[in-house]
């Protein structure tokens, strides 16, 4: 991203080029395995990516929050006394939700001029929303809170903003990966306790390739919240036998013994995915620590199968992309990543087969769906930060 160009845009929108501004960055994320387990208090294995959201920001004294994005045609100016009100411009609600959280915590607020600019593909399931939330939270904490809030505080309040203000009942994984990601490491997170470990990603001649179906999805309008409710219902059924508050508390062997307590087959399938996926994350961490990429790839494949058959969040586009990928030479694993209902897949591909992979999968996918996919090399990167020297290495 050209910082000088973004500065020119900022000053063209807000004027006063003699007054300095601050620059912050938050990455996107890709989840390697552990899908739809986070809001069930389970395990996940995401990592931060090299692309994300820049925020150029300047404090003002007029009590107005001005929000502009290079990725959207609509902008907004919101008085501080109205930051509790949801805006009709959808993207604006992500930063506004953060302001609302600061207000609820009785932290001091101020007017701001804010320019967002991101290179995360919109609707791809790579956490553009969490990236916007975390870069806003980090900037406000740095510029307003004394003492500054810790990263875990910012992660928690960003999740609350998306749950309570935006209206998506997401778990904490996205904000966690965006906030605490580390170069060349995945985060092994217990989404109930928030304990985490950084797991080295050593690919030994393989690459992580993200394939975008270019079938966007909107979590607020999708069946995401429906799946959350179905999992809560599964907990209610299982509570008749075992006292639990979330599906992540049950091992797969325990579930195998008591699954008949769930009378509804659909609800049983939802629980089966979550609990088996939890075990796959544990196995995946073990595989990575041992350097067993073949086993890790097999777990990726099994994850997608369960998301398709038990959780039913894939669809024709994601299934086609995965089927085409799994047919290619040098591919150890392929699965959807993110909430589903469109978006991206993540693929473990041998380095010397990457070009062939992109060409063949792209052709096969377009032939079957009529959509043209995009492919990205996933470089595992660091989490949210202030950019104090944009021209440094």
Protein backbone atom coordinates (compact mmCIF):
# COMPACT_ATOMS: atom_id res chain seq x y z
CA UNK A 1 0.00 0.00 0.00
CA UNK A 2 1.35 3.43 -0.97
CA UNK A 3 1.31 5.44 2.27
CA UNK A 4 2.12 8.73 0.51
CA UNK A 5 -0.87 8.22 -1.78
CA UNK A 6 -3.13 7.52 1.21
CA UNK A 7 -1.89 10.68 2.90
CA UNK A 8 -2.78 12.69 -0.19
CA UNK A 9 -6.28 11.21 -0.14
CA UNK A 10 -6.61 11.99 3.58
CA UNK A 11 -5.62 15.63 3.15
CA UNK A 12 -7.82 16.00 0.07
CA UNK A 13 -10.80 14.79 2.13
CA UNK A 14 -10.10 16.61 5.40
CA UNK A 15 -7.72 19.48 4.53
CA UNK A 16 -5.12 21.06 6.85
CA UNK A 17 -2.06 19.30 5.36
CA UNK A 18 0.17 21.07 7.88
CA UNK A 19 -1.38 19.03 10.73
CA UNK A 20 0.09 15.60 11.35
CA UNK A 21 -1.80 12.31 11.46
CA UNK A 22 -1.19 8.80 12.75
CA UNK A 23 -1.20 5.55 10.78
CA UNK A 24 -2.27 2.12 12.02
CA UNK A 25 -2.58 -1.28 10.36
CA UNK A 26 -4.51 -4.46 11.17
CA UNK A 27 -4.20 -7.63 9.07
CA UNK A 28 -6.82 -9.99 7.75
CA UNK A 29 -6.74 -13.60 8.83
CA UNK A 30 -7.16 -17.08 7.44
CA UNK A 31 -8.27 -19.98 9.62
CA UNK A 32 -6.26 -23.10 8.86
CA UNK A 33 -8.67 -25.43 10.66
CA UNK A 34 -11.33 -25.20 13.35
CA UNK A 35 -14.41 -23.73 11.70
CA UNK A 36 -17.54 -22.70 13.61
CA UNK A 37 -15.95 -23.85 16.85
CA UNK A 38 -15.05 -20.43 18.24
CA UNK A 39 -18.53 -19.37 19.35
CA UNK A 40 -18.93 -22.85 20.83
CA UNK A 41 -15.97 -22.37 23.16
CA UNK A 42 -13.77 -24.71 21.15
CA UNK A 43 -10.34 -24.70 19.53
CA UNK A 44 -9.24 -22.83 16.40
CA UNK A 45 -5.99 -22.43 14.46
CA UNK A 46 -5.93 -19.12 12.55
CA UNK A 47 -3.06 -16.91 11.41
CA UNK A 48 -2.76 -13.27 10.40
CA UNK A 49 -2.14 -12.42 6.74
CA UNK A 50 0.01 -9.89 4.93
CA UNK A 51 -2.93 -7.86 3.66
CA UNK A 52 -5.33 -5.91 5.82
CA UNK A 53 -6.67 -2.46 6.70
CA UNK A 54 -4.78 0.82 7.04
CA UNK A 55 -6.25 3.60 9.17
CA UNK A 56 -5.05 7.19 8.82
CA UNK A 57 -6.48 9.14 11.74
CA UNK A 58 -6.36 12.61 13.25
CA UNK A 59 -7.97 13.90 16.43
CA UNK A 60 -10.30 16.92 16.28
CA UNK A 61 -12.05 19.09 18.83
CA UNK A 62 -15.41 19.54 17.11
CA UNK A 63 -17.18 16.44 18.48
CA UNK A 64 -17.66 14.89 15.03
CA UNK A 65 -16.46 11.49 13.83
CA UNK A 66 -15.80 11.59 10.09
CA UNK A 67 -15.41 8.22 8.40
CA UNK A 68 -14.15 7.75 4.82
CA UNK A 69 -12.99 4.60 3.05
CA UNK A 70 -11.15 4.14 -0.22
CA UNK A 71 -13.07 0.86 -0.54
CA UNK A 72 -16.57 2.37 -0.39
CA UNK A 73 -18.27 5.22 -2.17
CA UNK A 74 -20.31 6.24 0.88
CA UNK A 75 -18.85 8.14 3.83
CA UNK A 76 -20.37 9.33 7.09
CA UNK A 77 -20.12 12.16 9.59
CA UNK A 78 -21.49 11.22 13.00
CA UNK A 79 -21.79 13.50 16.05
CA UNK A 80 -20.39 11.90 19.21
CA UNK A 81 -23.82 12.05 20.81
CA UNK A 82 -25.14 9.75 18.04
CA UNK A 83 -22.42 7.10 17.99
CA UNK A 84 -24.79 4.71 19.78
CA UNK A 85 -27.07 4.72 16.73
CA UNK A 86 -26.59 2.17 13.97
CA UNK A 87 -25.80 3.76 10.62
CA UNK A 88 -27.53 2.94 7.34
CA UNK A 89 -24.09 2.68 5.68
CA UNK A 90 -23.09 -0.84 6.62
CA UNK A 91 -19.28 -0.58 6.75
CA UNK A 92 -19.49 2.44 9.04
CA UNK A 93 -21.04 0.31 11.80
CA UNK A 94 -17.79 -1.58 12.41
CA UNK A 95 -15.82 1.47 13.61
CA UNK A 96 -18.93 2.98 15.22
CA UNK A 97 -19.36 -0.19 17.25
CA UNK A 98 -15.87 0.37 18.67
CA UNK A 99 -16.71 3.96 19.62
CA UNK A 100 -19.84 2.65 21.32
CA UNK A 101 -17.78 0.14 23.31
CA UNK A 102 -15.44 2.91 24.47
CA UNK A 103 -18.48 4.93 25.52
CA UNK A 104 -19.89 1.97 27.49
CA UNK A 105 -16.54 1.61 29.26
CA UNK A 106 -16.75 5.32 30.15
CA UNK A 107 -13.49 6.02 28.33
CA UNK A 108 -12.98 9.57 27.03
CA UNK A 109 -14.01 10.19 23.45
CA UNK A 110 -13.14 12.83 20.92
CA UNK A 111 -13.91 13.83 17.38
CA UNK A 112 -11.78 12.18 14.70
CA UNK A 113 -11.07 12.27 11.00
CA UNK A 114 -10.55 8.69 9.79
CA UNK A 115 -9.55 7.27 6.43
CA UNK A 116 -9.73 3.49 6.06
CA UNK A 117 -8.08 1.67 3.19
CA UNK A 118 -7.90 -2.10 2.87
CA UNK A 119 -6.73 -4.70 0.40
CA UNK A 120 -8.71 -7.60 1.92
CA UNK A 121 -11.19 -8.80 -0.72
CA UNK A 122 -14.68 -7.80 0.42
CA UNK A 123 -16.96 -10.68 1.34
CA UNK A 124 -14.17 -13.24 0.98
CA UNK A 125 -14.28 -14.49 4.56
CA UNK A 126 -10.80 -13.22 5.43
CA UNK A 127 -12.01 -10.99 8.26
CA UNK A 128 -12.17 -7.53 6.78
CA UNK A 129 -14.70 -6.69 9.51
CA UNK A 130 -12.44 -7.78 12.39
CA UNK A 131 -9.56 -5.94 10.71
CA UNK A 132 -11.56 -2.69 10.68
CA UNK A 133 -12.67 -3.22 14.28
CA UNK A 134 -9.21 -3.99 15.62
CA UNK A 135 -7.42 -1.18 13.78
CA UNK A 136 -10.04 1.25 15.13
CA UNK A 137 -9.81 -0.11 18.67
CA UNK A 138 -6.01 -0.06 18.65
CA UNK A 139 -5.94 3.52 17.33
CA UNK A 140 -8.49 4.81 19.84
CA UNK A 141 -6.71 3.08 22.71
CA UNK A 142 -3.38 4.54 21.63
CA UNK A 143 -4.77 8.04 21.21
CA UNK A 144 -7.35 8.24 24.01
CA UNK A 145 -7.05 5.61 26.72
CA UNK A 146 -4.70 6.24 29.64
CA UNK A 147 -3.31 3.77 30.38
CA UNK A 148 -3.64 2.05 27.04
CA UNK A 149 -5.85 -1.01 26.93
CA UNK A 150 -4.13 -4.37 26.49
CA UNK A 151 -4.56 -6.37 23.30
CA UNK A 152 -6.86 -8.88 24.98
CA UNK A 153 -9.08 -6.00 26.14
CA UNK A 154 -9.24 -4.69 22.58
CA UNK A 155 -9.99 -8.17 21.24
CA UNK A 156 -12.87 -8.63 23.67
CA UNK A 157 -14.42 -5.22 23.04
CA UNK A 158 -14.10 -5.66 19.27
CA UNK A 159 -16.01 -8.92 19.46
CA UNK A 160 -18.67 -7.24 21.60
CA UNK A 161 -18.97 -4.49 19.01
CA UNK A 162 -19.68 -7.02 16.27
CA UNK A 163 -22.10 -9.00 18.44
CA UNK A 164 -24.02 -6.12 19.97
CA UNK A 165 -23.73 -3.26 17.47
CA UNK A 166 -23.34 -4.91 14.06
CA UNK A 167 -25.53 -7.88 15.00
CA UNK A 168 -23.37 -10.88 14.08
CA UNK A 169 -23.08 -13.53 16.79
CA UNK A 170 -19.46 -14.30 15.93
CA UNK A 171 -16.94 -15.87 18.24
CA UNK A 172 -13.66 -14.27 19.22
CA UNK A 173 -11.32 -15.99 16.74
CA UNK A 174 -11.16 -13.29 14.07
CA UNK A 175 -10.35 -10.43 16.41
CA UNK A 176 -7.89 -12.65 18.28
CA UNK A 177 -5.92 -13.56 15.14
CA UNK A 178 -5.93 -9.97 13.89
CA UNK A 179 -4.72 -8.70 17.26
CA UNK A 180 -2.15 -11.29 18.30
CA UNK A 181 -0.93 -12.83 15.05
CA UNK A 182 2.79 -13.43 14.64
CA UNK A 183 4.88 -13.91 11.50
CA UNK A 184 5.25 -17.58 10.46
CA UNK A 185 3.07 -18.80 13.34
CA UNK A 186 -0.54 -19.87 13.72
CA UNK A 187 -2.46 -19.23 16.93
CA UNK A 188 -3.81 -22.30 18.72
CA UNK A 189 -6.64 -20.74 20.73
CA UNK A 190 -9.02 -22.07 23.35
CA UNK A 191 -11.93 -19.76 22.63
CA UNK A 192 -13.49 -20.34 26.06
CA UNK A 193 -10.50 -19.65 28.30
CA UNK A 194 -8.63 -17.48 25.75
CA UNK A 195 -5.46 -19.44 26.45
CA UNK A 196 -3.32 -19.60 23.34
CA UNK A 197 -0.04 -20.88 21.97
CA UNK A 198 1.86 -19.82 18.90
CA UNK A 199 2.47 -22.82 16.63
CA UNK A 200 5.35 -22.53 14.12
CA UNK A 201 4.26 -23.06 10.52
CA UNK A 202 7.09 -24.82 8.68
CA UNK A 203 5.85 -25.82 5.23
CA UNK A 204 8.99 -27.46 3.81
CA UNK A 205 8.40 -26.92 0.11
CA UNK A 206 4.64 -26.33 0.29
CA UNK A 207 2.61 -23.10 0.10
CA UNK A 208 -0.68 -22.00 1.54
CA UNK A 209 -2.84 -20.78 -1.33
CA UNK A 210 -6.12 -18.97 -0.72
CA UNK A 211 -8.70 -19.38 -3.47
CA UNK A 212 -11.51 -16.83 -3.61
CA UNK A 213 -14.74 -18.21 -5.06
CA UNK A 214 -15.90 -14.63 -5.72
CA UNK A 215 -19.25 -15.69 -4.31
CA UNK A 216 -19.60 -13.04 -1.57
CA UNK A 217 -21.68 -13.58 1.51
CA UNK A 218 -23.14 -11.30 4.15
CA UNK A 219 -22.99 -12.82 7.62
CA UNK A 220 -25.79 -10.67 8.97
CA UNK A 221 -28.18 -11.91 6.28
CA UNK A 222 -26.87 -15.46 6.01
CA UNK A 223 -27.59 -18.52 8.09
CA UNK A 224 -24.66 -17.82 10.40
CA UNK A 225 -26.83 -16.70 13.31
CA UNK A 226 -29.09 -19.68 12.66
CA UNK A 227 -26.15 -22.06 13.18
CA UNK A 228 -25.31 -20.33 16.45
CA UNK A 229 -28.87 -20.92 17.65
CA UNK A 230 -28.79 -24.56 16.55
CA UNK A 231 -25.64 -25.16 18.57
CA UNK A 232 -27.24 -23.57 21.62
CA UNK A 233 -30.20 -25.93 21.19
CA UNK A 234 -27.82 -28.89 21.03
CA UNK A 235 -26.35 -27.77 24.37
CA UNK A 236 -29.85 -27.67 25.85
CA UNK A 237 -30.51 -31.26 24.78
CA UNK A 238 -27.16 -32.54 26.00
CA UNK A 239 -27.58 -30.75 29.32
CA UNK A 240 -30.21 -33.33 30.25
CA UNK A 241 -27.37 -35.83 30.57
CA UNK A 242 -24.18 -33.81 31.07
CA UNK A 243 -23.93 -30.38 32.64
CA UNK A 244 -22.34 -28.18 29.96
CA UNK A 245 -22.66 -24.59 28.83
CA UNK A 246 -21.06 -24.99 25.39
CA UNK A 247 -20.31 -27.74 22.89
CA UNK A 248 -16.58 -27.20 23.23
CA UNK A 249 -16.66 -28.84 26.66
CA UNK A 250 -17.41 -32.32 25.28
CA UNK A 251 -14.86 -34.68 23.78
CA UNK A 252 -15.75 -36.64 20.67
CA UNK A 253 -15.80 -39.92 22.62
CA UNK A 254 -18.22 -38.43 25.15
CA UNK A 255 -20.44 -37.17 22.37
CA UNK A 256 -20.44 -40.56 20.66
CA UNK A 257 -21.97 -42.05 23.80
CA UNK A 258 -24.67 -39.41 24.40
CA UNK A 259 -25.48 -38.06 20.94
CA UNK A 260 -28.85 -39.85 20.92
CA UNK A 261 -29.97 -37.39 23.60
CA UNK A 262 -30.43 -34.95 20.73
CA UNK A 263 -33.72 -36.03 19.12
CA UNK A 264 -33.47 -33.77 16.06
CA UNK A 265 -31.10 -35.22 13.43
CA UNK A 266 -30.23 -31.78 12.03
CA UNK A 267 -29.25 -30.47 15.46
CA UNK A 268 -27.28 -33.68 16.10
CA UNK A 269 -25.33 -33.13 12.89
CA UNK A 270 -24.50 -29.56 13.89
CA UNK A 271 -23.12 -30.78 17.22
CA UNK A 272 -21.26 -33.62 15.52
CA UNK A 273 -19.39 -31.16 13.32
CA UNK A 274 -18.38 -28.84 16.16
CA UNK A 275 -17.17 -31.62 18.45
CA UNK A 276 -15.34 -33.57 15.74
CA UNK A 277 -13.81 -30.34 14.41
CA UNK A 278 -12.48 -29.59 17.87
CA UNK A 279 -10.64 -32.91 17.82
CA UNK A 280 -9.32 -32.20 14.34
CA UNK A 281 -7.74 -28.97 15.60
CA UNK A 282 -5.96 -30.87 18.36
CA UNK A 283 -4.74 -33.43 15.85
CA UNK A 284 -3.69 -30.68 13.43
CA UNK A 285 -1.53 -28.97 16.05
CA UNK A 286 0.12 -32.30 16.82
CA UNK A 287 0.73 -32.89 13.10
CA UNK A 288 2.31 -29.46 12.59
CA UNK A 289 4.58 -29.83 15.61
CA UNK A 290 5.77 -33.17 14.22
CA UNK A 291 6.17 -31.76 10.71
CA UNK A 292 3.60 -34.21 9.34
CA UNK A 293 2.09 -32.09 6.55
CA UNK A 294 0.41 -35.07 4.91
CA UNK A 295 -1.64 -35.74 8.04
CA UNK A 296 -2.39 -32.04 8.39
CA UNK A 297 -3.70 -32.00 4.81
CA UNK A 298 -5.89 -35.02 5.48
CA UNK A 299 -7.42 -33.20 8.45
CA UNK A 300 -8.14 -30.19 6.22
CA UNK A 301 -10.00 -32.45 3.81
CA UNK A 302 -11.98 -34.07 6.64
CA UNK A 303 -12.87 -30.64 7.99
CA UNK A 304 -14.40 -29.58 4.70
CA UNK A 305 -16.36 -32.81 4.43
CA UNK A 306 -17.89 -32.22 7.85
CA UNK A 307 -18.67 -28.59 7.06
CA UNK A 308 -20.44 -29.79 3.92
CA UNK A 309 -22.30 -32.80 5.31
CA UNK A 310 -22.91 -31.95 8.98
CA UNK A 311 -22.84 -28.16 9.24
CA UNK A 312 -24.13 -27.39 5.72
CA UNK A 313 -22.36 -24.06 5.29
CA UNK A 314 -20.48 -24.67 2.05
CA UNK A 315 -22.62 -24.51 -1.10
CA UNK A 316 -21.93 -25.25 -4.75
CA UNK A 317 -19.14 -22.70 -5.18
CA UNK A 318 -17.03 -23.72 -2.18
CA UNK A 319 -17.59 -27.43 -2.80
CA UNK A 320 -16.61 -27.08 -6.45
CA UNK A 321 -13.45 -25.16 -5.56
CA UNK A 322 -12.42 -27.82 -3.03
CA UNK A 323 -13.24 -30.72 -5.37
CA UNK A 324 -11.17 -29.17 -8.15
CA UNK A 325 -8.28 -28.54 -5.75
CA UNK A 326 -8.25 -32.04 -4.31
CA UNK A 327 -7.87 -33.52 -7.81
CA UNK A 328 -4.64 -31.65 -8.51
CA UNK A 329 -1.10 -33.06 -8.15
CA UNK A 330 0.86 -31.80 -5.17
CA UNK A 331 -2.23 -30.87 -3.12
CA UNK A 332 -2.24 -32.28 0.42
CA UNK A 333 -5.40 -30.59 1.65
CA UNK A 334 -8.18 -28.17 0.73
CA UNK A 335 -11.07 -26.77 2.74
CA UNK A 336 -13.36 -23.79 3.03
CA UNK A 337 -12.19 -21.17 5.49
CA UNK A 338 -14.27 -18.60 7.33
CA UNK A 339 -17.98 -18.69 7.98
CA UNK A 340 -18.86 -20.26 4.64
CA UNK A 341 -21.83 -19.48 2.40
CA UNK A 342 -19.27 -18.26 -0.16
CA UNK A 343 -15.87 -16.72 0.37
CA UNK A 344 -12.57 -18.58 0.22
CA UNK A 345 -10.84 -21.91 0.50
CA UNK A 346 -7.37 -22.55 1.90
CA UNK A 347 -5.14 -25.07 0.16
CA UNK A 348 -1.84 -26.76 0.99
CA UNK A 349 0.00 -27.02 -2.33
CA UNK A 350 3.50 -28.13 -3.25
CA UNK A 351 5.57 -25.12 -4.33
CA UNK A 352 6.53 -26.50 -7.73
CA UNK A 353 2.85 -27.16 -8.54
CA UNK A 354 1.42 -23.76 -7.61
CA UNK A 355 1.11 -22.40 -11.16
CA UNK A 356 -0.47 -25.62 -12.40
CA UNK A 357 -2.80 -25.61 -9.42
CA UNK A 358 -4.03 -22.05 -10.03
CA UNK A 359 -4.53 -22.64 -13.77
CA UNK A 360 -6.31 -25.97 -13.51
CA UNK A 361 -8.47 -25.14 -10.52
CA UNK A 362 -9.36 -21.78 -12.02
CA UNK A 363 -10.42 -23.34 -15.32
CA UNK A 364 -12.37 -26.17 -13.73
CA UNK A 365 -14.13 -23.87 -11.28
CA UNK A 366 -15.11 -21.32 -13.94
CA UNK A 367 -16.42 -24.05 -16.25
CA UNK A 368 -18.68 -25.44 -13.53
CA UNK A 369 -19.85 -22.23 -11.84
CA UNK A 370 -19.41 -19.45 -14.41
CA UNK A 371 -17.44 -17.45 -11.83
CA UNK A 372 -13.83 -16.38 -12.19
CA UNK A 373 -11.83 -17.16 -9.03
CA UNK A 374 -8.83 -15.33 -7.61
CA UNK A 375 -5.78 -16.86 -5.92
CA UNK A 376 -3.57 -15.35 -3.23
CA UNK A 377 -0.31 -16.53 -1.69
CA UNK A 378 -0.85 -16.55 2.06
CA UNK A 379 2.07 -15.00 3.88
CA UNK A 380 1.67 -15.42 7.63
CA UNK A 381 2.20 -12.03 9.22
CA UNK A 382 2.06 -9.98 12.44
CA UNK A 383 -0.98 -8.51 14.15
CA UNK A 384 -2.30 -4.98 14.62
CA UNK A 385 0.29 -2.20 14.97
CA UNK A 386 1.06 1.48 14.61
CA UNK A 387 3.14 2.36 11.57
CA UNK A 388 5.71 4.87 12.71
CA UNK A 389 8.15 4.41 9.83
CA UNK A 390 6.25 3.44 6.67
CA UNK A 391 9.46 3.51 4.64
CA UNK A 392 11.47 1.23 6.91
CA UNK A 393 12.10 -2.46 6.27
